[in-house]
Amino acid sequence: MDKNKIAETKIPPIRNGTVIDHITNGQSLNVLKILGVNESNIDSVISIGMHVPSSKGNGWKDVIKVEDRELDPNTVDKIALIAPEASISIIRDYYVAEKFKVKLEDRLIGLARCSNPNCITNKGEPVDPEFIVEEHHPPKLRCVYCDRILTNISDNLL
């Protein structure tokens, strides 16, 4: 065996936790932001696969495995905004206990802020930001209060 040969490395399976698969290529770092992961709060193993070959879509995807954590519905809804094709697998004792695709609802309340600084939702009023989903792939959101189309969704998530 050639000692200079680079060995192939794969992401190992997790015992318990969540696998987020079919993340839109290049969006895994935004998903980590949604999960609230940073260098000071990592309590378990997080594996990230970026630009991984995929058999569907454009041929590339990102994958994230988070040990010892299951996602709440609000977090799943935010992931749907930036990765509408993602699937979530809940792993228990190395087996898939649940698997589902994220779903982007037609109306979203309180998940993102309007990018219009003059929108009533940004003026300190007791009004939750609300959007109509005009397109699902890729997501296109319109504010119900000021009609602004939300650009750069990942930077405006709450």
N, C-alpha and C. Protein backbone atom coordinates (compact mmCIF):
# COMPACT_ATOMS: atom_id res chain seq x y z
N MET A 1 0.85 -1.19 0.00
CA MET A 1 0.00 0.00 0.00
C MET A 1 0.88 1.23 0.00
N ASP A 2 0.55 2.18 -0.85
CA ASP A 2 1.31 3.43 -0.96
C ASP A 2 1.02 4.31 0.26
N LYS A 3 2.07 4.64 1.03
CA LYS A 3 1.86 5.42 2.25
C LYS A 3 1.50 6.87 1.97
N ASN A 4 1.66 7.34 0.74
CA ASN A 4 1.29 8.71 0.37
C ASN A 4 -0.14 8.83 -0.15
N LYS A 5 -0.79 7.67 -0.33
CA LYS A 5 -2.15 7.68 -0.84
C LYS A 5 -3.11 8.21 0.23
N ILE A 6 -4.00 9.09 -0.16
CA ILE A 6 -4.98 9.67 0.76
C ILE A 6 -6.15 8.71 0.89
N ALA A 7 -6.47 8.38 2.14
CA ALA A 7 -7.58 7.47 2.39
C ALA A 7 -8.90 8.22 2.29
N GLU A 8 -9.91 7.54 1.79
CA GLU A 8 -11.24 8.14 1.69
C GLU A 8 -11.85 8.24 3.08
N THR A 9 -12.46 9.38 3.37
CA THR A 9 -13.09 9.59 4.66
C THR A 9 -14.57 9.80 4.44
N LYS A 10 -15.39 9.09 5.21
CA LYS A 10 -16.84 9.23 5.13
C LYS A 10 -17.35 9.77 6.46
N ILE A 11 -18.54 10.38 6.42
CA ILE A 11 -19.16 10.85 7.65
C ILE A 11 -19.75 9.64 8.36
N PRO A 12 -19.35 9.39 9.61
CA PRO A 12 -19.86 8.21 10.32
C PRO A 12 -21.33 8.38 10.70
N PRO A 13 -22.02 7.25 10.90
CA PRO A 13 -23.43 7.33 11.33
C PRO A 13 -23.51 7.88 12.75
N ILE A 14 -24.69 8.38 13.11
CA ILE A 14 -24.89 8.88 14.46
C ILE A 14 -25.82 7.94 15.21
N ARG A 15 -25.64 7.87 16.52
CA ARG A 15 -26.48 6.98 17.34
C ARG A 15 -27.87 7.57 17.53
N ASN A 16 -27.93 8.83 17.96
CA ASN A 16 -29.19 9.55 18.18
C ASN A 16 -29.02 10.97 17.68
N GLY A 17 -30.06 11.52 17.09
CA GLY A 17 -29.97 12.90 16.62
C GLY A 17 -30.77 13.13 15.36
N THR A 18 -30.30 14.08 14.57
CA THR A 18 -31.03 14.50 13.38
C THR A 18 -30.09 14.58 12.18
N VAL A 19 -30.55 14.10 11.05
CA VAL A 19 -29.85 14.25 9.78
C VAL A 19 -30.70 15.15 8.90
N ILE A 20 -30.10 16.23 8.42
CA ILE A 20 -30.77 17.14 7.49
C ILE A 20 -30.12 16.89 6.13
N ASP A 21 -30.85 16.28 5.23
CA ASP A 21 -30.32 15.88 3.93
C ASP A 21 -30.97 16.70 2.82
N HIS A 22 -30.35 16.70 1.68
CA HIS A 22 -30.83 17.41 0.49
C HIS A 22 -30.96 18.92 0.74
N ILE A 23 -30.03 19.45 1.53
CA ILE A 23 -29.95 20.89 1.72
C ILE A 23 -29.47 21.49 0.41
N THR A 24 -30.07 22.58 0.01
CA THR A 24 -29.64 23.25 -1.21
C THR A 24 -28.13 23.47 -1.16
N ASN A 25 -27.45 23.09 -2.24
CA ASN A 25 -25.99 23.19 -2.29
C ASN A 25 -25.51 24.59 -1.88
N GLY A 26 -24.61 24.64 -0.90
CA GLY A 26 -24.05 25.90 -0.44
C GLY A 26 -24.80 26.53 0.72
N GLN A 27 -25.89 25.92 1.19
CA GLN A 27 -26.71 26.51 2.25
C GLN A 27 -26.46 25.89 3.64
N SER A 28 -25.54 24.96 3.77
CA SER A 28 -25.35 24.30 5.06
C SER A 28 -24.90 25.26 6.15
N LEU A 29 -24.11 26.26 5.84
CA LEU A 29 -23.69 27.21 6.86
C LEU A 29 -24.87 28.06 7.34
N ASN A 30 -25.81 28.36 6.45
CA ASN A 30 -27.02 29.07 6.87
C ASN A 30 -27.91 28.18 7.74
N VAL A 31 -27.94 26.89 7.44
CA VAL A 31 -28.70 25.97 8.29
C VAL A 31 -28.07 25.91 9.68
N LEU A 32 -26.74 25.89 9.75
CA LEU A 32 -26.08 25.91 11.06
C LEU A 32 -26.44 27.17 11.84
N LYS A 33 -26.57 28.29 11.13
CA LYS A 33 -26.98 29.53 11.78
C LYS A 33 -28.40 29.40 12.34
N ILE A 34 -29.29 28.77 11.59
CA ILE A 34 -30.65 28.53 12.06
C ILE A 34 -30.64 27.65 13.30
N LEU A 35 -29.76 26.65 13.30
CA LEU A 35 -29.65 25.74 14.44
C LEU A 35 -29.03 26.42 15.66
N GLY A 36 -28.46 27.62 15.45
CA GLY A 36 -27.85 28.34 16.56
C GLY A 36 -26.50 27.80 16.95
N VAL A 37 -25.83 27.13 16.01
CA VAL A 37 -24.54 26.52 16.30
C VAL A 37 -23.43 27.57 16.15
N ASN A 38 -22.61 27.68 17.18
CA ASN A 38 -21.39 28.48 17.08
C ASN A 38 -20.32 27.84 17.94
N GLU A 39 -19.11 28.37 17.89
CA GLU A 39 -17.97 27.74 18.56
C GLU A 39 -18.11 27.64 20.07
N SER A 40 -18.99 28.40 20.68
CA SER A 40 -19.10 28.39 22.13
C SER A 40 -20.25 27.52 22.66
N ASN A 41 -21.06 26.94 21.78
CA ASN A 41 -22.18 26.16 22.28
C ASN A 41 -22.31 24.77 21.67
N ILE A 42 -21.23 24.23 21.17
CA ILE A 42 -21.29 22.89 20.58
C ILE A 42 -21.12 21.87 21.70
N ASP A 43 -22.19 21.09 21.93
CA ASP A 43 -22.16 20.10 22.99
C ASP A 43 -22.06 18.67 22.46
N SER A 44 -22.21 18.50 21.15
CA SER A 44 -22.15 17.16 20.57
C SER A 44 -21.56 17.26 19.16
N VAL A 45 -21.36 16.10 18.57
CA VAL A 45 -20.74 16.04 17.25
C VAL A 45 -21.70 16.58 16.19
N ILE A 46 -21.16 17.43 15.32
CA ILE A 46 -21.90 17.94 14.17
C ILE A 46 -21.05 17.63 12.94
N SER A 47 -21.61 16.90 12.00
CA SER A 47 -20.91 16.57 10.77
C SER A 47 -21.55 17.32 9.62
N ILE A 48 -20.72 17.91 8.76
CA ILE A 48 -21.22 18.70 7.63
C ILE A 48 -20.60 18.16 6.35
N GLY A 49 -21.46 17.87 5.40
CA GLY A 49 -21.00 17.50 4.07
C GLY A 49 -21.44 18.60 3.11
N MET A 50 -20.48 19.24 2.48
CA MET A 50 -20.80 20.31 1.53
C MET A 50 -20.42 19.87 0.13
N HIS A 51 -21.27 20.22 -0.82
CA HIS A 51 -21.05 19.89 -2.23
C HIS A 51 -20.88 18.38 -2.39
N VAL A 52 -21.87 17.66 -1.89
CA VAL A 52 -21.89 16.20 -1.94
C VAL A 52 -22.69 15.79 -3.16
N PRO A 53 -22.23 14.78 -3.91
CA PRO A 53 -23.00 14.34 -5.07
C PRO A 53 -24.40 13.88 -4.67
N SER A 54 -25.39 14.25 -5.49
CA SER A 54 -26.79 13.88 -5.24
C SER A 54 -27.37 13.27 -6.49
N SER A 55 -28.25 12.32 -6.30
CA SER A 55 -28.86 11.66 -7.46
C SER A 55 -30.06 12.44 -8.00
N LYS A 56 -30.51 13.49 -7.26
CA LYS A 56 -31.63 14.27 -7.77
C LYS A 56 -31.26 15.76 -7.81
N GLY A 57 -32.10 16.53 -8.46
CA GLY A 57 -31.84 17.97 -8.54
C GLY A 57 -30.69 18.28 -9.48
N ASN A 58 -29.84 19.24 -9.06
CA ASN A 58 -28.75 19.67 -9.93
C ASN A 58 -27.50 18.82 -9.77
N GLY A 59 -27.59 17.74 -8.96
CA GLY A 59 -26.46 16.84 -8.81
C GLY A 59 -25.62 17.09 -7.58
N TRP A 60 -25.87 18.18 -6.83
CA TRP A 60 -25.09 18.49 -5.64
C TRP A 60 -26.02 18.89 -4.50
N LYS A 61 -25.58 18.58 -3.29
CA LYS A 61 -26.36 18.91 -2.10
C LYS A 61 -25.41 19.10 -0.92
N ASP A 62 -25.95 19.57 0.20
CA ASP A 62 -25.25 19.61 1.47
C ASP A 62 -26.00 18.71 2.44
N VAL A 63 -25.29 18.20 3.44
CA VAL A 63 -25.87 17.32 4.45
C VAL A 63 -25.32 17.73 5.81
N ILE A 64 -26.17 17.73 6.83
CA ILE A 64 -25.73 18.00 8.20
C ILE A 64 -26.27 16.91 9.11
N LYS A 65 -25.37 16.39 9.98
CA LYS A 65 -25.77 15.43 11.00
C LYS A 65 -25.48 16.06 12.36
N VAL A 66 -26.48 16.09 13.22
CA VAL A 66 -26.34 16.67 14.55
C VAL A 66 -26.68 15.59 15.57
N GLU A 67 -25.69 15.22 16.37
CA GLU A 67 -25.93 14.19 17.38
C GLU A 67 -26.68 14.76 18.57
N ASP A 68 -27.52 13.92 19.17
CA ASP A 68 -28.22 14.23 20.42
C ASP A 68 -29.10 15.47 20.35
N ARG A 69 -29.71 15.73 19.19
CA ARG A 69 -30.62 16.86 19.08
C ARG A 69 -31.71 16.55 18.06
N GLU A 70 -32.95 16.83 18.46
CA GLU A 70 -34.08 16.75 17.54
C GLU A 70 -34.62 18.15 17.36
N LEU A 71 -35.09 18.48 16.18
CA LEU A 71 -35.48 19.84 15.83
C LEU A 71 -36.94 20.12 16.18
N ASP A 72 -37.18 21.34 16.66
CA ASP A 72 -38.56 21.77 16.92
C ASP A 72 -39.19 22.25 15.62
N PRO A 73 -40.53 22.29 15.55
CA PRO A 73 -41.21 22.68 14.30
C PRO A 73 -40.82 24.07 13.78
N ASN A 74 -40.57 25.03 14.66
CA ASN A 74 -40.18 26.37 14.23
C ASN A 74 -38.84 26.34 13.48
N THR A 75 -37.89 25.55 13.97
CA THR A 75 -36.59 25.41 13.32
C THR A 75 -36.75 24.75 11.96
N VAL A 76 -37.59 23.72 11.88
CA VAL A 76 -37.83 23.04 10.60
C VAL A 76 -38.44 24.01 9.59
N ASP A 77 -39.37 24.87 10.04
CA ASP A 77 -39.98 25.86 9.14
C ASP A 77 -38.93 26.83 8.60
N LYS A 78 -37.99 27.24 9.43
CA LYS A 78 -36.93 28.15 8.97
C LYS A 78 -36.01 27.46 7.96
N ILE A 79 -35.71 26.19 8.20
CA ILE A 79 -34.88 25.43 7.24
C ILE A 79 -35.59 25.36 5.89
N ALA A 80 -36.91 25.19 5.90
CA ALA A 80 -37.68 25.13 4.65
C ALA A 80 -37.53 26.41 3.83
N LEU A 81 -37.30 27.54 4.49
CA LEU A 81 -37.15 28.81 3.78
C LEU A 81 -35.88 28.87 2.94
N ILE A 82 -34.81 28.23 3.39
CA ILE A 82 -33.56 28.30 2.63
C ILE A 82 -33.19 26.99 1.95
N ALA A 83 -33.88 25.91 2.34
CA ALA A 83 -33.62 24.61 1.72
C ALA A 83 -34.96 23.88 1.53
N PRO A 84 -35.78 24.33 0.58
CA PRO A 84 -37.13 23.79 0.43
C PRO A 84 -37.20 22.33 0.01
N GLU A 85 -36.10 21.75 -0.42
CA GLU A 85 -36.07 20.34 -0.82
C GLU A 85 -35.51 19.44 0.27
N ALA A 86 -35.17 20.01 1.42
CA ALA A 86 -34.52 19.25 2.48
C ALA A 86 -35.43 18.17 3.06
N SER A 87 -34.80 17.12 3.55
CA SER A 87 -35.52 16.09 4.30
C SER A 87 -34.86 15.95 5.66
N ILE A 88 -35.66 15.60 6.65
CA ILE A 88 -35.21 15.48 8.02
C ILE A 88 -35.39 14.03 8.44
N SER A 89 -34.34 13.44 8.98
CA SER A 89 -34.41 12.09 9.53
C SER A 89 -34.07 12.16 11.01
N ILE A 90 -34.94 11.61 11.83
CA ILE A 90 -34.69 11.51 13.27
C ILE A 90 -34.09 10.12 13.50
N ILE A 91 -32.90 10.11 14.08
CA ILE A 91 -32.17 8.86 14.30
C ILE A 91 -32.26 8.49 15.78
N ARG A 92 -32.63 7.24 16.04
CA ARG A 92 -32.64 6.73 17.41
C ARG A 92 -31.98 5.36 17.40
N ASP A 93 -30.94 5.23 18.20
CA ASP A 93 -30.17 3.98 18.32
C ASP A 93 -29.72 3.48 16.94
N TYR A 94 -29.19 4.39 16.14
CA TYR A 94 -28.61 4.14 14.80
C TYR A 94 -29.65 3.84 13.72
N TYR A 95 -30.94 3.90 14.02
CA TYR A 95 -31.97 3.63 13.02
C TYR A 95 -32.83 4.87 12.77
N VAL A 96 -33.34 4.98 11.56
CA VAL A 96 -34.23 6.09 11.23
C VAL A 96 -35.59 5.83 11.88
N ALA A 97 -35.92 6.64 12.88
CA ALA A 97 -37.20 6.49 13.58
C ALA A 97 -38.31 7.26 12.86
N GLU A 98 -37.95 8.41 12.27
CA GLU A 98 -38.90 9.23 11.51
C GLU A 98 -38.15 9.87 10.35
N LYS A 99 -38.88 10.08 9.27
CA LYS A 99 -38.29 10.79 8.12
C LYS A 99 -39.40 11.59 7.46
N PHE A 100 -39.11 12.86 7.14
CA PHE A 100 -40.10 13.69 6.48
C PHE A 100 -39.40 14.80 5.70
N LYS A 101 -40.10 15.32 4.72
CA LYS A 101 -39.61 16.46 3.95
C LYS A 101 -40.08 17.74 4.62
N VAL A 102 -39.26 18.77 4.55
CA VAL A 102 -39.70 20.06 5.06
C VAL A 102 -40.83 20.55 4.16
N LYS A 103 -41.70 21.37 4.73
CA LYS A 103 -42.83 21.90 3.95
C LYS A 103 -42.91 23.40 4.17
N LEU A 104 -42.92 24.12 3.09
CA LEU A 104 -43.04 25.57 3.14
C LEU A 104 -44.52 25.92 3.02
N GLU A 105 -45.08 26.45 4.09
CA GLU A 105 -46.50 26.82 4.10
C GLU A 105 -46.74 28.00 3.15
N ASP A 106 -47.99 28.28 2.83
CA ASP A 106 -48.33 29.38 1.93
C ASP A 106 -48.30 30.74 2.63
N ARG A 107 -48.39 30.74 3.95
CA ARG A 107 -48.38 31.97 4.74
C ARG A 107 -47.45 31.73 5.94
N LEU A 108 -46.52 32.66 6.18
CA LEU A 108 -45.54 32.51 7.26
C LEU A 108 -45.66 33.67 8.23
N ILE A 109 -45.71 33.37 9.51
CA ILE A 109 -45.83 34.41 10.54
C ILE A 109 -44.70 34.25 11.55
N GLY A 110 -43.94 35.32 11.74
CA GLY A 110 -42.93 35.34 12.78
C GLY A 110 -41.65 34.57 12.52
N LEU A 111 -41.38 34.18 11.27
CA LEU A 111 -40.16 33.43 10.97
C LEU A 111 -39.03 34.32 10.46
N ALA A 112 -39.39 35.41 9.80
CA ALA A 112 -38.39 36.31 9.23
C ALA A 112 -38.87 37.75 9.40
N ARG A 113 -37.93 38.68 9.31
CA ARG A 113 -38.29 40.10 9.39
C ARG A 113 -38.33 40.69 7.99
N CYS A 114 -39.19 41.66 7.81
CA CYS A 114 -39.29 42.35 6.53
C CYS A 114 -38.02 43.17 6.31
N SER A 115 -37.54 43.20 5.09
CA SER A 115 -36.32 43.94 4.78
C SER A 115 -36.57 45.43 4.57
N ASN A 116 -37.84 45.85 4.61
CA ASN A 116 -38.19 47.26 4.46
C ASN A 116 -38.11 47.93 5.84
N PRO A 117 -37.16 48.85 6.04
CA PRO A 117 -37.03 49.49 7.36
C PRO A 117 -38.27 50.32 7.74
N ASN A 118 -39.07 50.71 6.76
CA ASN A 118 -40.28 51.50 7.04
C ASN A 118 -41.53 50.66 7.22
N CYS A 119 -41.42 49.34 7.13
CA CYS A 119 -42.57 48.45 7.33
C CYS A 119 -43.02 48.56 8.79
N ILE A 120 -44.32 48.47 9.00
CA ILE A 120 -44.88 48.56 10.35
C ILE A 120 -44.29 47.51 11.30
N THR A 121 -43.86 46.37 10.74
CA THR A 121 -43.30 45.31 11.58
C THR A 121 -41.91 45.67 12.12
N ASN A 122 -41.29 46.71 11.55
CA ASN A 122 -39.97 47.16 12.01
C ASN A 122 -40.03 48.47 12.79
N LYS A 123 -41.22 48.92 13.16
CA LYS A 123 -41.39 50.22 13.83
C LYS A 123 -41.75 50.08 15.31
N GLY A 124 -41.51 48.90 15.89
CA GLY A 124 -41.80 48.72 17.32
C GLY A 124 -43.25 48.49 17.64
N GLU A 125 -44.08 48.30 16.64
CA GLU A 125 -45.50 48.01 16.86
C GLU A 125 -45.66 46.54 17.22
N PRO A 126 -46.70 46.19 17.96
CA PRO A 126 -46.90 44.78 18.34
C PRO A 126 -47.51 43.96 17.20
N VAL A 127 -46.79 43.90 16.09
CA VAL A 127 -47.25 43.20 14.89
C VAL A 127 -46.16 42.21 14.48
N ASP A 128 -46.54 40.95 14.35
CA ASP A 128 -45.59 39.95 13.88
C ASP A 128 -45.40 40.06 12.38
N PRO A 129 -44.15 39.92 11.90
CA PRO A 129 -43.94 39.91 10.45
C PRO A 129 -44.71 38.75 9.82
N GLU A 130 -45.33 39.03 8.68
CA GLU A 130 -46.14 38.01 8.02
C GLU A 130 -45.87 38.08 6.52
N PHE A 131 -45.71 36.91 5.92
CA PHE A 131 -45.38 36.85 4.49
C PHE A 131 -46.28 35.86 3.77
N ILE A 132 -46.57 36.19 2.52
CA ILE A 132 -47.22 35.27 1.59
C ILE A 132 -46.11 34.63 0.77
N VAL A 133 -46.16 33.32 0.62
CA VAL A 133 -45.17 32.63 -0.20
C VAL A 133 -45.68 32.65 -1.63
N GLU A 134 -45.02 33.45 -2.46
CA GLU A 134 -45.45 33.58 -3.86
C GLU A 134 -44.86 32.48 -4.73
N GLU A 135 -43.66 32.02 -4.40
CA GLU A 135 -43.03 30.91 -5.11
C GLU A 135 -42.36 30.02 -4.07
N HIS A 136 -42.42 28.72 -4.30
CA HIS A 136 -41.84 27.78 -3.35
C HIS A 136 -40.42 27.35 -3.71
N HIS A 137 -40.08 27.32 -4.99
CA HIS A 137 -38.76 26.84 -5.43
C HIS A 137 -38.18 27.75 -6.48
N PRO A 138 -37.25 28.62 -6.16
CA PRO A 138 -36.78 28.97 -4.82
C PRO A 138 -37.82 29.84 -4.12
N PRO A 139 -37.78 29.88 -2.79
CA PRO A 139 -38.78 30.66 -2.06
C PRO A 139 -38.76 32.15 -2.41
N LYS A 140 -39.95 32.70 -2.62
CA LYS A 140 -40.11 34.13 -2.86
C LYS A 140 -41.23 34.58 -1.93
N LEU A 141 -40.89 35.48 -0.98
CA LEU A 141 -41.83 35.91 0.05
C LEU A 141 -42.22 37.37 -0.15
N ARG A 142 -43.51 37.67 0.05
CA ARG A 142 -44.00 39.04 -0.03
C ARG A 142 -44.64 39.42 1.30
N CYS A 143 -44.21 40.54 1.85
CA CYS A 143 -44.74 41.04 3.11
C CYS A 143 -46.21 41.42 2.93
N VAL A 144 -47.08 40.99 3.86
CA VAL A 144 -48.50 41.31 3.74
C VAL A 144 -48.79 42.76 4.11
N TYR A 145 -47.88 43.43 4.79
CA TYR A 145 -48.11 44.80 5.24
C TYR A 145 -47.61 45.85 4.25
N CYS A 146 -46.45 45.61 3.64
CA CYS A 146 -45.88 46.65 2.76
C CYS A 146 -45.65 46.16 1.32
N ASP A 147 -45.93 44.89 1.06
CA ASP A 147 -45.77 44.28 -0.27
C ASP A 147 -44.32 44.14 -0.74
N ARG A 148 -43.35 44.39 0.12
CA ARG A 148 -41.94 44.23 -0.25
C ARG A 148 -41.64 42.75 -0.43
N ILE A 149 -40.90 42.43 -1.50
CA ILE A 149 -40.43 41.07 -1.71
C ILE A 149 -39.16 40.91 -0.87
N LEU A 150 -39.14 39.88 -0.04
CA LEU A 150 -37.99 39.65 0.83
C LEU A 150 -36.84 39.08 0.03
N THR A 151 -35.74 39.79 0.05
CA THR A 151 -34.53 39.31 -0.60
C THR A 151 -33.57 38.86 0.49
N ASN A 152 -32.70 37.96 0.16
CA ASN A 152 -31.72 37.43 1.10
C ASN A 152 -32.39 36.91 2.37
N ILE A 153 -33.21 35.90 2.21
CA ILE A 153 -34.01 35.36 3.30
C ILE A 153 -33.15 34.96 4.49
N SER A 154 -32.00 34.31 4.25
CA SER A 154 -31.19 33.81 5.36
C SER A 154 -30.70 34.91 6.28
N ASP A 155 -30.51 36.12 5.77
CA ASP A 155 -30.06 37.24 6.62
C ASP A 155 -31.20 37.88 7.40
N ASN A 156 -32.44 37.53 7.09
CA ASN A 156 -33.59 38.14 7.75
C ASN A 156 -34.39 37.17 8.61
N LEU A 157 -33.84 35.99 8.87
CA LEU A 157 -34.54 35.04 9.72
C LEU A 157 -34.53 35.52 11.16
N LEU A 158 -35.62 35.28 11.87
CA LEU A 158 -35.71 35.65 13.29
C LEU A 158 -35.25 34.50 14.16
